[in-house]
Amino acid sequence: MPRNITGRTGHTEAIIKCRVDSLHDKSVSWIRKRDLHILTVGTATYTSDKRFQVTESKDSREWTLHVKSPLAKDSGIYECQVNTEPKMSMAFQLNIIEISPDAKAVISGPPDLHFKAGSAIILNCLVQQPSVKDIGPIYWYRGEHMITPFDADDGQPEPPAGRSEHPQRNPEDTSLNDIMSEVDLQMEFATRIAMESQLGDTLKSRLRISNAQTTDTGNYTCQPTTASSASVLVHVINDENPAAMQKSGACPCAPGPLQLLLQLLLQLRGGASG
């Protein structure tokens, strides 16, 4: 079964990553299956369509096919091949979804949102497009990672692929400790997430993150299936009076010491001039 990769028209590129271990003196090729066209061999390109390019990781283990400015016609099966005997290959099904230029997501509020630590982060996304038919689901991302809520009925959230159990930690292995700390953070984050979507005249999606932590700070993206995405930068602040605190995490808006001092100086200056 080919692995599914989804891209969208109007995006900068669609990418397909192929991992190859122990390549040695062999080469990696990308083949478009519908016409058996050899797109690349190694880092060389063998197509007149300049939208297709390949990049190689420094350790030569990851070979990424880039499809610039993807079009609906680029959908299909692409195969990553290694010229071993017998030949090794892996197939990917690229699905390019055609996006209407008028279809877009909008996240309520300014592009930078501030929340108080311990409050709830609430993000509301509205999808604007001519038709609500075949609209598909809405996905939320923090940075490059898809946000997946933790369902208590399903047991513990699954760690990243290839890490089904926590390896034995060695205090001297800094990199492993860093990785496992990140896994723990992701799992804890998942337990605080709730999502809901409503379909009426428009499609709406709400992301709620309870008990906001400073580690929740980052770029959040609302990505509809059939519309362009919208992003917002979330700041979680320990300060009692952040300048742009959102309603869900707002604290009393009394002036701080600096504002009071400034007001006093202005009053004194006004009295002196009078």
C-alpha atoms as a PDB file:
ATOM      1  CA  MET A   1       0.000   0.000   0.000  1.00  0.00           C
ATOM      2  CA  PRO A   2       1.447   3.376  -0.980  1.00  0.00           C
ATOM      3  CA  ARG A   3       1.895   5.901   1.790  1.00  0.00           C
ATOM      4  CA  ASN A   4      -0.453   8.869   1.452  1.00  0.00           C
ATOM      5  CA  ILE A   5       0.954  12.392   1.161  1.00  0.00           C
ATOM      6  CA  THR A   6      -1.395  15.378   0.889  1.00  0.00           C
ATOM      7  CA  GLY A   7      -0.577  18.720  -0.701  1.00  0.00           C
ATOM      8  CA  ARG A   8      -2.621  21.703  -1.792  1.00  0.00           C
ATOM      9  CA  THR A   9      -2.654  23.973  -4.798  1.00  0.00           C
ATOM     10  CA  GLY A  10      -1.514  27.472  -3.957  1.00  0.00           C
ATOM     11  CA  HIS A  11       1.139  26.189  -1.560  1.00  0.00           C
ATOM     12  CA  THR A  12       4.850  26.726  -2.161  1.00  0.00           C
ATOM     13  CA  GLU A  13       5.581  23.012  -2.577  1.00  0.00           C
ATOM     14  CA  ALA A  14       4.602  19.448  -1.806  1.00  0.00           C
ATOM     15  CA  ILE A  15       7.336  17.203  -0.429  1.00  0.00           C
ATOM     16  CA  ILE A  16       7.795  13.430  -0.301  1.00  0.00           C
ATOM     17  CA  LYS A  17      10.524  12.057   1.949  1.00  0.00           C
ATOM     18  CA  CYS A  18      12.182   8.686   1.376  1.00  0.00           C
ATOM     19  CA  ARG A  19      14.557   7.261   3.992  1.00  0.00           C
ATOM     20  CA  VAL A  20      17.255   4.853   2.846  1.00  0.00           C
ATOM     21  CA  ASP A  21      19.728   3.213   5.244  1.00  0.00           C
ATOM     22  CA  SER A  22      23.109   1.761   4.241  1.00  0.00           C
ATOM     23  CA  LEU A  23      23.048   3.231   0.738  1.00  0.00           C
ATOM     24  CA  HIS A  24      26.810   2.792   0.193  1.00  0.00           C
ATOM     25  CA  ASP A  25      27.589   3.119  -3.539  1.00  0.00           C
ATOM     26  CA  LYS A  26      23.978   2.709  -4.703  1.00  0.00           C
ATOM     27  CA  SER A  27      21.807   5.538  -6.027  1.00  0.00           C
ATOM     28  CA  VAL A  28      18.263   6.688  -5.279  1.00  0.00           C
ATOM     29  CA  SER A  29      15.796   7.480  -8.066  1.00  0.00           C
ATOM     30  CA  TRP A  30      12.313   8.998  -8.058  1.00  0.00           C
ATOM     31  CA  ILE A  31       9.842   7.573 -10.605  1.00  0.00           C
ATOM     32  CA  ARG A  32       6.408   8.926 -11.547  1.00  0.00           C
ATOM     33  CA  LYS A  33       4.373   5.759 -11.970  1.00  0.00           C
ATOM     34  CA  ARG A  34       1.604   6.990 -14.296  1.00  0.00           C
ATOM     35  CA  ASP A  35       4.047   7.413 -17.198  1.00  0.00           C
ATOM     36  CA  LEU A  36       7.098   5.637 -15.685  1.00  0.00           C
ATOM     37  CA  HIS A  37       9.013   8.894 -16.060  1.00  0.00           C
ATOM     38  CA  ILE A  38      12.359   8.979 -14.241  1.00  0.00           C
ATOM     39  CA  LEU A  39      12.288  12.336 -12.464  1.00  0.00           C
ATOM     40  CA  THR A  40      15.621  12.197 -10.619  1.00  0.00           C
ATOM     41  CA  VAL A  41      18.652   9.957 -10.160  1.00  0.00           C
ATOM     42  CA  GLY A  42      20.777  10.913  -7.195  1.00  0.00           C
ATOM     43  CA  THR A  43      20.627  14.705  -7.095  1.00  0.00           C
ATOM     44  CA  ALA A  44      20.343  15.026 -10.897  1.00  0.00           C
ATOM     45  CA  THR A  45      16.981  15.930 -12.458  1.00  0.00           C
ATOM     46  CA  TYR A  46      15.778  14.156 -15.622  1.00  0.00           C
ATOM     47  CA  THR A  47      12.634  16.096 -16.451  1.00  0.00           C
ATOM     48  CA  SER A  48      12.085  19.375 -18.239  1.00  0.00           C
ATOM     49  CA  ASP A  49       9.535  20.320 -15.576  1.00  0.00           C
ATOM     50  CA  LYS A  50      11.686  22.456 -13.284  1.00  0.00           C
ATOM     51  CA  ARG A  51       9.123  22.172 -10.491  1.00  0.00           C
ATOM     52  CA  PHE A  52      10.575  18.764  -9.610  1.00  0.00           C
ATOM     53  CA  GLN A  53      13.758  18.782  -7.532  1.00  0.00           C
ATOM     54  CA  VAL A  54      15.432  16.436  -5.078  1.00  0.00           C
ATOM     55  CA  THR A  55      17.510  17.139  -1.984  1.00  0.00           C
ATOM     56  CA  GLU A  56      19.794  14.795  -0.086  1.00  0.00           C
ATOM     57  CA  SER A  57      20.389  14.920   3.662  1.00  0.00           C
ATOM     58  CA  LYS A  58      23.960  15.274   4.926  1.00  0.00           C
ATOM     59  CA  ASP A  59      24.094  11.623   5.989  1.00  0.00           C
ATOM     60  CA  SER A  60      22.587  10.487   2.627  1.00  0.00           C
ATOM     61  CA  ARG A  61      19.761   8.708   4.436  1.00  0.00           C
ATOM     62  CA  GLU A  62      16.903  10.992   3.435  1.00  0.00           C
ATOM     63  CA  TRP A  63      16.041  11.789  -0.191  1.00  0.00           C
ATOM     64  CA  THR A  64      13.276  14.358  -0.540  1.00  0.00           C
ATOM     65  CA  LEU A  65      11.319  14.975  -3.721  1.00  0.00           C
ATOM     66  CA  HIS A  66      10.094  18.583  -3.942  1.00  0.00           C
ATOM     67  CA  VAL A  67       7.150  19.479  -6.182  1.00  0.00           C
ATOM     68  CA  LYS A  68       7.128  23.267  -6.445  1.00  0.00           C
ATOM     69  CA  SER A  69       3.781  25.071  -6.900  1.00  0.00           C
ATOM     70  CA  PRO A  70       1.861  21.752  -6.929  1.00  0.00           C
ATOM     71  CA  LEU A  71      -1.052  21.273  -9.319  1.00  0.00           C
ATOM     72  CA  ALA A  72      -3.994  18.870  -9.191  1.00  0.00           C
ATOM     73  CA  LYS A  73      -2.479  16.988 -12.164  1.00  0.00           C
ATOM     74  CA  ASP A  74       0.576  16.133 -10.015  1.00  0.00           C
ATOM     75  CA  SER A  75      -1.551  13.714  -7.981  1.00  0.00           C
ATOM     76  CA  GLY A  76      -0.548  10.081  -8.367  1.00  0.00           C
ATOM     77  CA  ILE A  77       1.929   7.453  -7.251  1.00  0.00           C
ATOM     78  CA  TYR A  78       5.617   8.302  -6.954  1.00  0.00           C
ATOM     79  CA  GLU A  79       8.195   5.631  -6.283  1.00  0.00           C
ATOM     80  CA  CYS A  80      11.520   5.939  -4.507  1.00  0.00           C
ATOM     81  CA  GLN A  81      13.886   3.281  -5.932  1.00  0.00           C
ATOM     82  CA  VAL A  82      17.356   2.053  -4.994  1.00  0.00           C
ATOM     83  CA  ASN A  83      19.339   0.271  -7.719  1.00  0.00           C
ATOM     84  CA  THR A  84      20.100  -2.837  -5.671  1.00  0.00           C
ATOM     85  CA  GLU A  85      19.619  -6.391  -6.926  1.00  0.00           C
ATOM     86  CA  PRO A  86      16.777  -7.144  -6.454  1.00  0.00           C
ATOM     87  CA  LYS A  87      15.555  -3.555  -6.700  1.00  0.00           C
ATOM     88  CA  MET A  88      14.320  -1.884  -3.506  1.00  0.00           C
ATOM     89  CA  SER A  89      11.422   0.562  -3.759  1.00  0.00           C
ATOM     90  CA  MET A  90       8.823   2.430  -1.737  1.00  0.00           C
ATOM     91  CA  ALA A  91       5.629   3.936  -3.196  1.00  0.00           C
ATOM     92  CA  PHE A  92       3.894   7.150  -2.150  1.00  0.00           C
ATOM     93  CA  GLN A  93       0.431   8.337  -3.178  1.00  0.00           C
ATOM     94  CA  LEU A  94       0.546  12.118  -3.630  1.00  0.00           C
ATOM     95  CA  ASN A  95      -2.872  13.761  -3.370  1.00  0.00           C
ATOM     96  CA  ILE A  96      -2.998  17.417  -4.413  1.00  0.00           C
ATOM     97  CA  ILE A  97      -6.220  19.088  -3.275  1.00  0.00           C
ATOM     98  CA  GLU A  98      -7.388  21.954  -5.447  1.00  0.00           C
ATOM     99  CA  ILE A  99      -8.034  25.061  -3.378  1.00  0.00           C
ATOM    100  CA  SER A 100     -10.351  27.844  -4.511  1.00  0.00           C
ATOM    101  CA  PRO A 101      -8.590  31.241  -4.429  1.00  0.00           C
ATOM    102  CA  ASP A 102     -11.563  32.545  -2.426  1.00  0.00           C
ATOM    103  CA  ALA A 103     -11.385  29.783   0.195  1.00  0.00           C
ATOM    104  CA  LYS A 104      -9.418  30.696   3.297  1.00  0.00           C
ATOM    105  CA  ALA A 105      -9.257  30.213   7.046  1.00  0.00           C
ATOM    106  CA  VAL A 106      -9.378  33.117   9.496  1.00  0.00           C
ATOM    107  CA  ILE A 107      -8.401  32.919  13.182  1.00  0.00           C
ATOM    108  CA  SER A 108     -10.273  35.406  15.368  1.00  0.00           C
ATOM    109  CA  GLY A 109      -8.261  38.223  16.909  1.00  0.00           C
ATOM    110  CA  PRO A 110      -4.895  39.856  16.181  1.00  0.00           C
ATOM    111  CA  PRO A 111      -1.919  37.911  14.754  1.00  0.00           C
ATOM    112  CA  ASP A 112      -0.239  37.888  18.192  1.00  0.00           C
ATOM    113  CA  LEU A 113      -2.278  36.591  21.138  1.00  0.00           C
ATOM    114  CA  HIS A 114      -1.203  36.730  24.795  1.00  0.00           C
ATOM    115  CA  PHE A 115      -2.510  34.439  27.526  1.00  0.00           C
ATOM    116  CA  LYS A 116      -1.783  34.187  31.227  1.00  0.00           C
ATOM    117  CA  ALA A 117      -0.112  30.983  32.442  1.00  0.00           C
ATOM    118  CA  GLY A 118      -2.727  28.712  34.002  1.00  0.00           C
ATOM    119  CA  SER A 119      -5.586  30.116  31.903  1.00  0.00           C
ATOM    120  CA  ALA A 120      -7.191  28.473  28.868  1.00  0.00           C
ATOM    121  CA  ILE A 121      -5.897  29.154  25.372  1.00  0.00           C
ATOM    122  CA  ILE A 122      -8.916  29.336  23.059  1.00  0.00           C
ATOM    123  CA  LEU A 123      -8.442  29.727  19.304  1.00  0.00           C
ATOM    124  CA  ASN A 124     -11.430  30.077  16.969  1.00  0.00           C
ATOM    125  CA  CYS A 125     -11.014  29.365  13.256  1.00  0.00           C
ATOM    126  CA  LEU A 126     -13.612  30.269  10.629  1.00  0.00           C
ATOM    127  CA  VAL A 127     -13.389  28.835   7.107  1.00  0.00           C
ATOM    128  CA  GLN A 128     -14.576  31.237   4.429  1.00  0.00           C
ATOM    129  CA  GLN A 129     -15.348  29.687   1.042  1.00  0.00           C
ATOM    130  CA  PRO A 130     -18.104  29.797  -1.583  1.00  0.00           C
ATOM    131  CA  SER A 131     -19.418  26.291  -0.861  1.00  0.00           C
ATOM    132  CA  VAL A 132     -19.412  24.070   2.226  1.00  0.00           C
ATOM    133  CA  LYS A 133     -19.710  20.872   0.179  1.00  0.00           C
ATOM    134  CA  ASP A 134     -16.782  18.429   0.337  1.00  0.00           C
ATOM    135  CA  ILE A 135     -15.119  20.746   2.819  1.00  0.00           C
ATOM    136  CA  GLY A 136     -13.297  17.996   4.719  1.00  0.00           C
ATOM    137  CA  PRO A 137     -11.824  18.185   8.235  1.00  0.00           C
ATOM    138  CA  ILE A 138      -9.821  21.014   9.805  1.00  0.00           C
ATOM    139  CA  TYR A 139      -6.380  20.260  11.230  1.00  0.00           C
ATOM    140  CA  TRP A 140      -4.516  22.268  13.857  1.00  0.00           C
ATOM    141  CA  TYR A 141      -0.724  22.511  14.017  1.00  0.00           C
ATOM    142  CA  ARG A 142       1.743  23.874  16.547  1.00  0.00           C
ATOM    143  CA  GLY A 143       4.795  24.698  14.493  1.00  0.00           C
ATOM    144  CA  GLU A 144       5.220  21.785  12.077  1.00  0.00           C
ATOM    145  CA  HIS A 145       3.526  19.228  14.340  1.00  0.00           C
ATOM    146  CA  MET A 146      -0.129  18.262  14.046  1.00  0.00           C
ATOM    147  CA  ILE A 147      -2.021  18.703  17.310  1.00  0.00           C
ATOM    148  CA  THR A 148      -3.732  15.497  18.446  1.00  0.00           C
ATOM    149  CA  PRO A 149      -5.952  15.479  21.558  1.00  0.00           C
ATOM    150  CA  PHE A 150      -5.511  12.756  24.170  1.00  0.00           C
ATOM    151  CA  ASP A 151      -8.591  10.551  24.575  1.00  0.00           C
ATOM    152  CA  ALA A 152      -8.613   8.889  28.001  1.00  0.00           C
ATOM    153  CA  ASP A 153     -10.749   6.044  26.612  1.00  0.00           C
ATOM    154  CA  ASP A 154      -7.974   5.161  24.192  1.00  0.00           C
ATOM    155  CA  GLY A 155      -5.328   4.768  26.878  1.00  0.00           C
ATOM    156  CA  GLN A 156      -2.006   6.600  26.827  1.00  0.00           C
ATOM    157  CA  PRO A 157      -1.314   8.700  23.730  1.00  0.00           C
ATOM    158  CA  GLU A 158       1.098   6.966  21.417  1.00  0.00           C
ATOM    159  CA  PRO A 159       4.664   8.301  21.354  1.00  0.00           C
ATOM    160  CA  PRO A 160       6.294   9.119  17.999  1.00  0.00           C
ATOM    161  CA  ALA A 161       6.720   6.252  15.527  1.00  0.00           C
ATOM    162  CA  GLY A 162       9.564   3.947  16.457  1.00  0.00           C
ATOM    163  CA  ARG A 163       9.336   4.861  20.157  1.00  0.00           C
ATOM    164  CA  SER A 164       6.653   2.495  21.424  1.00  0.00           C
ATOM    165  CA  GLU A 165       8.287   2.356  24.853  1.00  0.00           C
ATOM    166  CA  HIS A 166      10.558   4.627  26.840  1.00  0.00           C
ATOM    167  CA  PRO A 167      14.165   3.446  26.401  1.00  0.00           C
ATOM    168  CA  GLN A 168      16.287   3.106  29.523  1.00  0.00           C
ATOM    169  CA  ARG A 169      17.676   6.577  30.194  1.00  0.00           C
ATOM    170  CA  ASN A 170      21.354   7.088  30.753  1.00  0.00           C
ATOM    171  CA  PRO A 171      22.114  10.318  32.690  1.00  0.00           C
ATOM    172  CA  GLU A 172      25.208  10.782  30.533  1.00  0.00           C
ATOM    173  CA  ASP A 173      23.264  10.476  27.271  1.00  0.00           C
ATOM    174  CA  THR A 174      22.207  14.102  26.869  1.00  0.00           C
ATOM    175  CA  SER A 175      20.666  13.675  23.418  1.00  0.00           C
ATOM    176  CA  LEU A 176      18.468  10.756  24.531  1.00  0.00           C
ATOM    177  CA  ASN A 177      17.367  12.636  27.639  1.00  0.00           C
ATOM    178  CA  ASP A 178      16.472  15.642  25.487  1.00  0.00           C
ATOM    179  CA  ILE A 179      14.438  13.441  23.131  1.00  0.00           C
ATOM    180  CA  MET A 180      12.576  11.750  25.962  1.00  0.00           C
ATOM    181  CA  SER A 181      11.890  15.077  27.677  1.00  0.00           C
ATOM    182  CA  GLU A 182      10.356  16.310  24.425  1.00  0.00           C
ATOM    183  CA  VAL A 183       8.220  13.137  24.178  1.00  0.00           C
ATOM    184  CA  ASP A 184       7.018  13.660  27.761  1.00  0.00           C
ATOM    185  CA  LEU A 185       6.138  17.291  26.986  1.00  0.00           C
ATOM    186  CA  GLN A 186       4.187  16.283  23.864  1.00  0.00           C
ATOM    187  CA  MET A 187       2.230  13.629  25.773  1.00  0.00           C
ATOM    188  CA  GLU A 188       1.425  16.049  28.610  1.00  0.00           C
ATOM    189  CA  PHE A 189       0.387  18.676  26.056  1.00  0.00           C
ATOM    190  CA  ALA A 190      -2.015  16.203  24.403  1.00  0.00           C
ATOM    191  CA  THR A 191      -3.911  15.667  27.678  1.00  0.00           C
ATOM    192  CA  ARG A 192      -4.822  19.393  27.833  1.00  0.00           C
ATOM    193  CA  ILE A 193      -6.285  19.691  24.316  1.00  0.00           C
ATOM    194  CA  ALA A 194      -9.917  19.770  23.235  1.00  0.00           C
ATOM    195  CA  MET A 195     -11.226  20.415  19.714  1.00  0.00           C
ATOM    196  CA  GLU A 196     -14.684  20.879  18.269  1.00  0.00           C
ATOM    197  CA  SER A 197     -15.989  21.743  14.813  1.00  0.00           C
ATOM    198  CA  GLN A 198     -19.370  23.016  13.632  1.00  0.00           C
ATOM    199  CA  LEU A 199     -20.718  22.964  10.091  1.00  0.00           C
ATOM    200  CA  GLY A 200     -23.493  25.410   9.216  1.00  0.00           C
ATOM    201  CA  ASP A 201     -23.393  28.150   6.623  1.00  0.00           C
ATOM    202  CA  THR A 202     -19.660  28.139   7.346  1.00  0.00           C
ATOM    203  CA  LEU A 203     -17.265  25.718   9.005  1.00  0.00           C
ATOM    204  CA  LYS A 204     -15.919  26.671  12.421  1.00  0.00           C
ATOM    205  CA  SER A 205     -13.302  24.962  14.541  1.00  0.00           C
ATOM    206  CA  ARG A 206     -12.285  25.718  18.118  1.00  0.00           C
ATOM    207  CA  LEU A 207      -9.013  24.651  19.736  1.00  0.00           C
ATOM    208  CA  ARG A 208      -8.907  24.796  23.543  1.00  0.00           C
ATOM    209  CA  ILE A 209      -5.743  24.202  25.561  1.00  0.00           C
ATOM    210  CA  SER A 210      -6.379  24.143  29.305  1.00  0.00           C
ATOM    211  CA  ASN A 211      -3.914  25.213  32.013  1.00  0.00           C
ATOM    212  CA  ALA A 212      -1.658  27.147  29.624  1.00  0.00           C
ATOM    213  CA  GLN A 213       2.087  26.698  30.150  1.00  0.00           C
ATOM    214  CA  THR A 214       4.945  28.875  28.916  1.00  0.00           C
ATOM    215  CA  THR A 215       6.020  25.865  26.827  1.00  0.00           C
ATOM    216  CA  ASP A 216       2.756  26.252  24.875  1.00  0.00           C
ATOM    217  CA  THR A 217       4.107  29.463  23.328  1.00  0.00           C
ATOM    218  CA  GLY A 218       4.461  29.113  19.563  1.00  0.00           C
ATOM    219  CA  ASN A 219       2.943  29.439  16.118  1.00  0.00           C
ATOM    220  CA  TYR A 220      -0.493  27.802  15.763  1.00  0.00           C
ATOM    221  CA  THR A 221      -2.030  27.053  12.363  1.00  0.00           C
ATOM    222  CA  CYS A 222      -5.595  26.226  11.365  1.00  0.00           C
ATOM    223  CA  GLN A 223      -5.409  24.120   8.179  1.00  0.00           C
ATOM    224  CA  PRO A 224      -8.692  23.267   6.435  1.00  0.00           C
ATOM    225  CA  THR A 225      -8.694  20.475   3.874  1.00  0.00           C
ATOM    226  CA  THR A 226     -10.013  22.638   1.051  1.00  0.00           C
ATOM    227  CA  ALA A 227      -8.937  26.173   1.959  1.00  0.00           C
ATOM    228  CA  SER A 228      -5.754  28.102   2.637  1.00  0.00           C
ATOM    229  CA  SER A 229      -4.484  28.091   6.212  1.00  0.00           C
ATOM    230  CA  ALA A 230      -4.318  30.799   8.873  1.00  0.00           C
ATOM    231  CA  SER A 231      -1.710  31.164  11.616  1.00  0.00           C
ATOM    232  CA  VAL A 232      -1.401  33.041  14.876  1.00  0.00           C
ATOM    233  CA  LEU A 233       1.492  33.493  17.311  1.00  0.00           C
ATOM    234  CA  VAL A 234       0.536  32.540  20.870  1.00  0.00           C
ATOM    235  CA  HIS A 235       2.474  33.899  23.853  1.00  0.00           C
ATOM    236  CA  VAL A 236       1.950  32.412  27.324  1.00  0.00           C
ATOM    237  CA  ILE A 237       3.185  34.857  29.951  1.00  0.00           C
ATOM    238  CA  ASN A 238       3.755  34.586  33.702  1.00  0.00           C
ATOM    239  CA  ASP A 239       3.555  38.394  34.087  1.00  0.00           C
ATOM    240  CA  GLU A 240       0.482  39.529  36.030  1.00  0.00           C
ATOM    241  CA  ASN A 241      -0.313  42.305  33.540  1.00  0.00           C
ATOM    242  CA  PRO A 242       0.862  41.444  30.005  1.00  0.00           C
ATOM    243  CA  ALA A 243       0.064  44.210  27.566  1.00  0.00           C
ATOM    244  CA  ALA A 244      -2.237  42.291  25.220  1.00  0.00           C
ATOM    245  CA  MET A 245      -3.754  39.635  27.489  1.00  0.00           C
ATOM    246  CA  GLN A 246      -6.649  37.804  25.838  1.00  0.00           C
ATOM    247  CA  LYS A 247     -10.037  37.582  27.495  1.00  0.00           C
ATOM    248  CA  SER A 248      -9.766  33.896  28.389  1.00  0.00           C
ATOM    249  CA  GLY A 249      -6.631  34.552  30.404  1.00  0.00           C
ATOM    250  CA  ALA A 250      -7.137  38.168  31.346  1.00  0.00           C
ATOM    251  CA  CYS A 251      -6.388  39.566  34.765  1.00  0.00           C
ATOM    252  CA  PRO A 252      -7.587  42.889  36.245  1.00  0.00           C
ATOM    253  CA  CYS A 253      -6.468  45.763  34.072  1.00  0.00           C
ATOM    254  CA  ALA A 254      -5.269  48.084  36.848  1.00  0.00           C
ATOM    255  CA  PRO A 255      -2.294  50.241  35.851  1.00  0.00           C
ATOM    256  CA  GLY A 256       1.116  48.905  36.849  1.00  0.00           C
ATOM    257  CA  PRO A 257       3.721  50.821  38.912  1.00  0.00           C
ATOM    258  CA  LEU A 258       5.400  52.227  35.802  1.00  0.00           C
ATOM    259  CA  GLN A 259       2.119  53.610  34.455  1.00  0.00           C
ATOM    260  CA  LEU A 260       1.250  55.159  37.851  1.00  0.00           C
ATOM    261  CA  LEU A 261       4.659  56.842  38.051  1.00  0.00           C
ATOM    262  CA  LEU A 262       4.268  58.208  34.518  1.00  0.00           C
ATOM    263  CA  GLN A 263       0.806  59.570  35.340  1.00  0.00           C
ATOM    264  CA  LEU A 264       2.156  61.248  38.512  1.00  0.00           C
ATOM    265  CA  LEU A 265       5.011  62.892  36.602  1.00  0.00           C
ATOM    266  CA  LEU A 266       2.587  64.193  33.966  1.00  0.00           C
ATOM    267  CA  GLN A 267       0.326  65.609  36.668  1.00  0.00           C
ATOM    268  CA  LEU A 268       3.269  67.311  38.426  1.00  0.00           C
ATOM    269  CA  ARG A 269       4.463  68.778  35.126  1.00  0.00           C
ATOM    270  CA  GLY A 270       0.956  70.030  34.364  1.00  0.00           C
ATOM    271  CA  GLY A 271       0.725  71.644  37.804  1.00  0.00           C
ATOM    272  CA  ALA A 272       4.122  73.302  37.422  1.00  0.00           C
ATOM    273  CA  SER A 273       3.242  74.751  34.021  1.00  0.00           C
ATOM    274  CA  GLY A 274      -0.035  76.098  35.411  1.00  0.00           C
END
